[in-house]
PDB file of N, CA and C in Angstrom:
ATOM      1  N   UNK A   1      86.787  75.858 -16.003  1.00  0.00           N
ATOM      2  CA  UNK A   1      85.700  76.713 -16.449  1.00  0.00           C
ATOM      3  C   UNK A   1      84.708  76.953 -15.318  1.00  0.00           C
ATOM      4  N   UNK A   2      84.333  78.196 -15.178  1.00  0.00           N
ATOM      5  CA  UNK A   2      83.343  78.525 -14.160  1.00  0.00           C
ATOM      6  C   UNK A   2      81.968  78.635 -14.802  1.00  0.00           C
ATOM      7  N   UNK A   3      80.991  78.145 -14.093  1.00  0.00           N
ATOM      8  CA  UNK A   3      79.616  78.234 -14.581  1.00  0.00           C
ATOM      9  C   UNK A   3      78.932  79.408 -13.917  1.00  0.00           C
ATOM     10  N   UNK A   4      78.185  80.135 -14.681  1.00  0.00           N
ATOM     11  CA  UNK A   4      77.421  81.247 -14.123  1.00  0.00           C
ATOM     12  C   UNK A   4      76.140  80.704 -13.509  1.00  0.00           C
ATOM     13  N   UNK A   5      75.879  81.141 -12.321  1.00  0.00           N
ATOM     14  CA  UNK A   5      74.631  80.724 -11.680  1.00  0.00           C
ATOM     15  C   UNK A   5      73.566  81.769 -11.950  1.00  0.00           C
ATOM     16  N   UNK A   6      72.402  81.304 -12.270  1.00  0.00           N
ATOM     17  CA  UNK A   6      71.305  82.227 -12.519  1.00  0.00           C
ATOM     18  C   UNK A   6      70.370  82.234 -11.325  1.00  0.00           C
ATOM     19  N   UNK A   7      69.896  83.401 -11.027  1.00  0.00           N
ATOM     20  CA  UNK A   7      68.954  83.544  -9.917  1.00  0.00           C
ATOM     21  C   UNK A   7      67.541  83.633 -10.491  1.00  0.00           C
ATOM     22  N   UNK A   8      66.662  82.955  -9.837  1.00  0.00           N
ATOM     23  CA  UNK A   8      65.272  83.013 -10.278  1.00  0.00           C
ATOM     24  C   UNK A   8      64.545  84.094  -9.512  1.00  0.00           C
ATOM     25  N   UNK A   9      63.766  84.842 -10.233  1.00  0.00           N
ATOM     26  CA  UNK A   9      62.973  85.894  -9.608  1.00  0.00           C
ATOM     27  C   UNK A   9      61.620  85.350  -9.199  1.00  0.00           C
ATOM     28  N   UNK A  10      61.151  85.820  -8.076  1.00  0.00           N
ATOM     29  CA  UNK A  10      59.811  85.441  -7.663  1.00  0.00           C
ATOM     30  C   UNK A  10      58.813  86.297  -8.426  1.00  0.00           C
ATOM     31  N   UNK A  11      57.644  85.757  -8.632  1.00  0.00           N
ATOM     32  CA  UNK A  11      56.609  86.511  -9.312  1.00  0.00           C
ATOM     33  C   UNK A  11      56.211  87.705  -8.443  1.00  0.00           C
ATOM     34  N   UNK A  12      56.197  88.880  -9.050  1.00  0.00           N
ATOM     35  CA  UNK A  12      55.887  90.097  -8.311  1.00  0.00           C
ATOM     36  C   UNK A  12      54.404  90.147  -7.954  1.00  0.00           C
ATOM     37  N   UNK A  13      54.142  90.538  -6.729  1.00  0.00           N
ATOM     38  CA  UNK A  13      52.768  90.679  -6.275  1.00  0.00           C
ATOM     39  C   UNK A  13      52.192  91.959  -6.885  1.00  0.00           C
ATOM     40  N   UNK A  14      51.026  91.913  -7.490  1.00  0.00           N
ATOM     41  CA  UNK A  14      50.480  93.125  -8.105  1.00  0.00           C
ATOM     42  C   UNK A  14      50.193  94.186  -7.052  1.00  0.00           C
ATOM     43  N   UNK A  15      50.603  95.410  -7.361  1.00  0.00           N
ATOM     44  CA  UNK A  15      50.389  96.516  -6.435  1.00  0.00           C
ATOM     45  C   UNK A  15      49.005  97.102  -6.685  1.00  0.00           C
ATOM     46  N   UNK A  16      48.309  97.385  -5.620  1.00  0.00           N
ATOM     47  CA  UNK A  16      46.959  97.925  -5.717  1.00  0.00           C
ATOM     48  C   UNK A  16      46.994  99.376  -5.261  1.00  0.00           C
ATOM     49  N   UNK A  17      46.320 100.216  -5.998  1.00  0.00           N
ATOM     50  CA  UNK A  17      46.289 101.648  -5.690  1.00  0.00           C
ATOM     51  C   UNK A  17      45.586 101.874  -4.346  1.00  0.00           C
ATOM     52  N   UNK A  18      46.279 102.545  -3.438  1.00  0.00           N
ATOM     53  CA  UNK A  18      45.701 102.831  -2.115  1.00  0.00           C
ATOM     54  C   UNK A  18      44.475 103.728  -2.206  1.00  0.00           C
ATOM     55  N   UNK A  19      44.522 104.660  -3.143  1.00  0.00           N
ATOM     56  CA  UNK A  19      43.436 105.614  -3.280  1.00  0.00           C
ATOM     57  C   UNK A  19      42.189 104.961  -3.881  1.00  0.00           C
ATOM     58  N   UNK A  20      42.378 104.014  -4.796  1.00  0.00           N
ATOM     59  CA  UNK A  20      41.243 103.285  -5.366  1.00  0.00           C
ATOM     60  C   UNK A  20      40.606 102.380  -4.315  1.00  0.00           C
ATOM     61  N   UNK A  21      41.427 101.784  -3.454  1.00  0.00           N
ATOM     62  CA  UNK A  21      40.912 100.927  -2.389  1.00  0.00           C
ATOM     63  C   UNK A  21      39.997 101.694  -1.448  1.00  0.00           C
ATOM     64  N   UNK A  22      40.414 102.910  -1.104  1.00  0.00           N
ATOM     65  CA  UNK A  22      39.626 103.715  -0.172  1.00  0.00           C
ATOM     66  C   UNK A  22      38.649 104.651  -0.884  1.00  0.00           C
ATOM     67  N   UNK A  23      38.533 104.499  -2.205  1.00  0.00           N
ATOM     68  CA  UNK A  23      37.587 105.247  -3.038  1.00  0.00           C
ATOM     69  C   UNK A  23      37.730 106.766  -2.882  1.00  0.00           C
ATOM     70  N   UNK A  24      38.963 107.247  -3.058  1.00  0.00           N
ATOM     71  CA  UNK A  24      39.260 108.673  -2.979  1.00  0.00           C
ATOM     72  C   UNK A  24      39.050 109.290  -4.354  1.00  0.00           C
ATOM     73  N   UNK A  25      38.271 110.385  -4.398  1.00  0.00           N
ATOM     74  CA  UNK A  25      38.036 111.078  -5.662  1.00  0.00           C
ATOM     75  C   UNK A  25      38.968 112.267  -5.851  1.00  0.00           C
ATOM     76  N   UNK A  26      39.456 112.828  -4.738  1.00  0.00           N
ATOM     77  CA  UNK A  26      40.297 114.020  -4.798  1.00  0.00           C
ATOM     78  C   UNK A  26      41.391 113.901  -3.740  1.00  0.00           C
ATOM     79  N   UNK A  27      42.628 114.187  -4.121  1.00  0.00           N
ATOM     80  CA  UNK A  27      43.746 114.161  -3.184  1.00  0.00           C
ATOM     81  C   UNK A  27      44.010 115.603  -2.757  1.00  0.00           C
ATOM     82  N   UNK A  28      43.838 115.874  -1.475  1.00  0.00           N
ATOM     83  CA  UNK A  28      43.955 117.230  -0.948  1.00  0.00           C
ATOM     84  C   UNK A  28      45.417 117.609  -0.770  1.00  0.00           C
ATOM     85  N   UNK A  29      45.784 118.789  -1.272  1.00  0.00           N
ATOM     86  CA  UNK A  29      47.168 119.230  -1.178  1.00  0.00           C
ATOM     87  C   UNK A  29      47.523 119.714   0.223  1.00  0.00           C
ATOM     88  N   UNK A  30      46.535 119.897   1.097  1.00  0.00           N
ATOM     89  CA  UNK A  30      46.792 120.358   2.461  1.00  0.00           C
ATOM     90  C   UNK A  30      47.101 119.203   3.418  1.00  0.00           C
ATOM     91  N   UNK A  31      46.958 117.969   2.945  1.00  0.00           N
ATOM     92  CA  UNK A  31      47.235 116.793   3.763  1.00  0.00           C
ATOM     93  C   UNK A  31      48.703 116.400   3.598  1.00  0.00           C
ATOM     94  N   UNK A  32      49.572 117.087   4.334  1.00  0.00           N
ATOM     95  CA  UNK A  32      51.022 116.911   4.191  1.00  0.00           C
ATOM     96  C   UNK A  32      51.479 115.516   4.602  1.00  0.00           C
ATOM     97  N   UNK A  33      50.812 114.921   5.568  1.00  0.00           N
ATOM     98  CA  UNK A  33      51.215 113.597   6.051  1.00  0.00           C
ATOM     99  C   UNK A  33      51.079 112.543   4.958  1.00  0.00           C
ATOM    100  N   UNK A  34      49.968 112.582   4.228  1.00  0.00           N
ATOM    101  CA  UNK A  34      49.742 111.631   3.137  1.00  0.00           C
ATOM    102  C   UNK A  34      50.700 111.886   1.984  1.00  0.00           C
ATOM    103  N   UNK A  35      50.871 113.140   1.646  1.00  0.00           N
ATOM    104  CA  UNK A  35      51.733 113.483   0.507  1.00  0.00           C
ATOM    105  C   UNK A  35      53.196 113.142   0.771  1.00  0.00           C
ATOM    106  N   UNK A  36      53.626 113.234   2.012  1.00  0.00           N
ATOM    107  CA  UNK A  36      55.028 112.952   2.310  1.00  0.00           C
ATOM    108  C   UNK A  36      55.368 111.468   2.134  1.00  0.00           C
ATOM    109  N   UNK A  37      54.370 110.597   2.201  1.00  0.00           N
ATOM    110  CA  UNK A  37      54.607 109.164   1.997  1.00  0.00           C
ATOM    111  C   UNK A  37      54.952 108.843   0.542  1.00  0.00           C
ATOM    112  N   UNK A  38      54.614 109.740  -0.358  1.00  0.00           N
ATOM    113  CA  UNK A  38      54.842 109.524  -1.788  1.00  0.00           C
ATOM    114  C   UNK A  38      56.008 110.348  -2.305  1.00  0.00           C
ATOM    115  N   UNK A  39      56.896 110.758  -1.400  1.00  0.00           N
ATOM    116  CA  UNK A  39      58.076 111.522  -1.771  1.00  0.00           C
ATOM    117  C   UNK A  39      59.324 110.910  -1.152  1.00  0.00           C
ATOM    118  N   UNK A  40      60.471 111.214  -1.760  1.00  0.00           N
ATOM    119  CA  UNK A  40      61.746 110.805  -1.178  1.00  0.00           C
ATOM    120  C   UNK A  40      62.129 111.818  -0.097  1.00  0.00           C
ATOM    121  N   UNK A  41      63.253 111.582   0.577  1.00  0.00           N
ATOM    122  CA  UNK A  41      63.718 112.513   1.605  1.00  0.00           C
ATOM    123  C   UNK A  41      64.069 113.865   1.005  1.00  0.00           C
ATOM    124  N   UNK A  42      64.483 113.845  -0.243  1.00  0.00           N
ATOM    125  CA  UNK A  42      64.852 115.093  -0.919  1.00  0.00           C
ATOM    126  C   UNK A  42      63.657 115.808  -1.539  1.00  0.00           C
ATOM    127  N   UNK A  43      62.484 115.193  -1.497  1.00  0.00           N
ATOM    128  CA  UNK A  43      61.283 115.856  -1.985  1.00  0.00           C
ATOM    129  C   UNK A  43      60.860 115.463  -3.385  1.00  0.00           C
ATOM    130  N   UNK A  44      61.518 114.473  -3.970  1.00  0.00           N
ATOM    131  CA  UNK A  44      61.130 114.045  -5.308  1.00  0.00           C
ATOM    132  C   UNK A  44      59.903 113.136  -5.229  1.00  0.00           C
ATOM    133  N   UNK A  45      59.051 113.226  -6.224  1.00  0.00           N
ATOM    134  CA  UNK A  45      57.840 112.414  -6.276  1.00  0.00           C
ATOM    135  C   UNK A  45      58.222 110.995  -6.702  1.00  0.00           C
ATOM    136  N   UNK A  46      57.752 110.008  -5.938  1.00  0.00           N
ATOM    137  CA  UNK A  46      58.050 108.611  -6.264  1.00  0.00           C
ATOM    138  C   UNK A  46      57.222 108.156  -7.468  1.00  0.00           C
ATOM    139  N   UNK A  47      57.800 107.342  -8.348  1.00  0.00           N
ATOM    140  CA  UNK A  47      57.076 106.895  -9.538  1.00  0.00           C
ATOM    141  C   UNK A  47      56.019 105.842  -9.225  1.00  0.00           C
ATOM    142  N   UNK A  48      55.128 105.634 -10.177  1.00  0.00           N
ATOM    143  CA  UNK A  48      54.029 104.676 -10.048  1.00  0.00           C
ATOM    144  C   UNK A  48      54.515 103.260  -9.822  1.00  0.00           C
ATOM    145  N   UNK A  49      55.593 102.888 -10.467  1.00  0.00           N
ATOM    146  CA  UNK A  49      56.072 101.510 -10.358  1.00  0.00           C
ATOM    147  C   UNK A  49      56.535 101.186  -8.951  1.00  0.00           C
ATOM    148  N   UNK A  50      56.880 102.189  -8.171  1.00  0.00           N
ATOM    149  CA  UNK A  50      57.281 101.971  -6.785  1.00  0.00           C
ATOM    150  C   UNK A  50      56.082 102.079  -5.842  1.00  0.00           C
ATOM    151  N   UNK A  51      55.256 103.097  -6.019  1.00  0.00           N
ATOM    152  CA  UNK A  51      54.139 103.322  -5.097  1.00  0.00           C
ATOM    153  C   UNK A  51      52.945 102.434  -5.387  1.00  0.00           C
ATOM    154  N   UNK A  52      52.730 102.081  -6.665  1.00  0.00           N
ATOM    155  CA  UNK A  52      51.610 101.227  -7.016  1.00  0.00           C
ATOM    156  C   UNK A  52      50.314 101.973  -7.259  1.00  0.00           C
ATOM    157  N   UNK A  53      50.374 103.296  -7.371  1.00  0.00           N
ATOM    158  CA  UNK A  53      49.152 104.058  -7.632  1.00  0.00           C
ATOM    159  C   UNK A  53      48.754 103.949  -9.098  1.00  0.00           C
ATOM    160  N   UNK A  54      47.481 104.146  -9.372  1.00  0.00           N
ATOM    161  CA  UNK A  54      46.994 104.082 -10.752  1.00  0.00           C
ATOM    162  C   UNK A  54      47.318 105.397 -11.467  1.00  0.00           C
ATOM    163  N   UNK A  55      47.080 105.455 -12.761  1.00  0.00           N
ATOM    164  CA  UNK A  55      47.433 106.613 -13.576  1.00  0.00           C
ATOM    165  C   UNK A  55      46.701 107.871 -13.107  1.00  0.00           C
ATOM    166  N   UNK A  56      45.409 107.765 -12.900  1.00  0.00           N
ATOM    167  CA  UNK A  56      44.614 108.927 -12.521  1.00  0.00           C
ATOM    168  C   UNK A  56      45.041 109.485 -11.165  1.00  0.00           C
ATOM    169  N   UNK A  57      45.240 108.600 -10.205  1.00  0.00           N
ATOM    170  CA  UNK A  57      45.626 109.065  -8.881  1.00  0.00           C
ATOM    171  C   UNK A  57      47.068 109.557  -8.846  1.00  0.00           C
ATOM    172  N   UNK A  58      47.936 109.019  -9.680  1.00  0.00           N
ATOM    173  CA  UNK A  58      49.319 109.503  -9.739  1.00  0.00           C
ATOM    174  C   UNK A  58      49.346 110.931 -10.263  1.00  0.00           C
ATOM    175  N   UNK A  59      48.503 111.235 -11.255  1.00  0.00           N
ATOM    176  CA  UNK A  59      48.426 112.607 -11.777  1.00  0.00           C
ATOM    177  C   UNK A  59      47.903 113.553 -10.712  1.00  0.00           C
ATOM    178  N   UNK A  60      46.841 113.128  -9.988  1.00  0.00           N
ATOM    179  CA  UNK A  60      46.297 113.954  -8.907  1.00  0.00           C
ATOM    180  C   UNK A  60      47.335 114.153  -7.806  1.00  0.00           C
ATOM    181  N   UNK A  61      48.072 113.105  -7.500  1.00  0.00           N
ATOM    182  CA  UNK A  61      49.097 113.147  -6.465  1.00  0.00           C
ATOM    183  C   UNK A  61      50.205 114.133  -6.836  1.00  0.00           C
ATOM    184  N   UNK A  62      50.640 114.099  -8.080  1.00  0.00           N
ATOM    185  CA  UNK A  62      51.695 115.002  -8.543  1.00  0.00           C
ATOM    186  C   UNK A  62      51.248 116.453  -8.446  1.00  0.00           C
ATOM    187  N   UNK A  63      50.018 116.725  -8.854  1.00  0.00           N
ATOM    188  CA  UNK A  63      49.485 118.091  -8.788  1.00  0.00           C
ATOM    189  C   UNK A  63      49.375 118.543  -7.331  1.00  0.00           C
ATOM    190  N   UNK A  64      48.903 117.657  -6.459  1.00  0.00           N
ATOM    191  CA  UNK A  64      48.753 117.996  -5.046  1.00  0.00           C
ATOM    192  C   UNK A  64      50.105 118.279  -4.395  1.00  0.00           C
ATOM    193  N   UNK A  65      51.115 117.483  -4.726  1.00  0.00           N
ATOM    194  CA  UNK A  65      52.453 117.702  -4.162  1.00  0.00           C
ATOM    195  C   UNK A  65      53.015 119.023  -4.653  1.00  0.00           C
ATOM    196  N   UNK A  66      52.831 119.323  -5.926  1.00  0.00           N
ATOM    197  CA  UNK A  66      53.339 120.577  -6.477  1.00  0.00           C
ATOM    198  C   UNK A  66      52.630 121.781  -5.869  1.00  0.00           C
ATOM    199  N   UNK A  67      51.334 121.666  -5.635  1.00  0.00           N
ATOM    200  CA  UNK A  67      50.597 122.754  -4.975  1.00  0.00           C
ATOM    201  C   UNK A  67      51.045 122.915  -3.530  1.00  0.00           C
ATOM    202  N   UNK A  68      51.291 121.801  -2.861  1.00  0.00           N
ATOM    203  CA  UNK A  68      51.783 121.843  -1.491  1.00  0.00           C
ATOM    204  C   UNK A  68      53.159 122.487  -1.402  1.00  0.00           C
ATOM    205  N   UNK A  69      53.982 122.262  -2.393  1.00  0.00           N
ATOM    206  CA  UNK A  69      55.302 122.892  -2.438  1.00  0.00           C
ATOM    207  C   UNK A  69      55.189 124.395  -2.575  1.00  0.00           C
ATOM    208  N   UNK A  70      54.241 124.847  -3.397  1.00  0.00           N
ATOM    209  CA  UNK A  70      54.076 126.277  -3.647  1.00  0.00           C
ATOM    210  C   UNK A  70      53.716 127.023  -2.365  1.00  0.00           C
ATOM    211  N   UNK A  71      52.808 126.442  -1.572  1.00  0.00           N
ATOM    212  CA  UNK A  71      52.409 127.108  -0.333  1.00  0.00           C
ATOM    213  C   UNK A  71      53.236 126.647   0.867  1.00  0.00           C
ATOM    214  N   UNK A  72      54.333 125.942   0.604  1.00  0.00           N
ATOM    215  CA  UNK A  72      55.326 125.522   1.602  1.00  0.00           C
ATOM    216  C   UNK A  72      54.783 124.592   2.676  1.00  0.00           C
ATOM    217  N   UNK A  73      53.853 123.719   2.312  1.00  0.00           N
ATOM    218  CA  UNK A  73      53.385 122.699   3.251  1.00  0.00           C
ATOM    219  C   UNK A  73      54.236 121.441   3.095  1.00  0.00           C
ATOM    220  N   UNK A  74      54.521 121.079   1.847  1.00  0.00           N
ATOM    221  CA  UNK A  74      55.271 119.873   1.537  1.00  0.00           C
ATOM    222  C   UNK A  74      56.633 120.262   0.998  1.00  0.00           C
ATOM    223  N   UNK A  75      57.676 119.556   1.449  1.00  0.00           N
ATOM    224  CA  UNK A  75      59.038 119.882   0.973  1.00  0.00           C
ATOM    225  C   UNK A  75      59.441 118.991  -0.152  1.00  0.00           C
TER     226      UNK A  75
END
């Protein structure tokens, strides 16, 4: 009989919103460098659970990326 080995997970470090840390009130859609950090290579918006942004800033980020796509700044 083989025994299954279980792996223990380490406690996840809480992710802190980058925008809350730097006290950002508005995410500018013209800042392509910042917006590209929150996208995949194919241009999909990364989810909150990966980036660690809060709800309010994730909504602002999504709107900014979509506006950047419209004017062809962000891919």
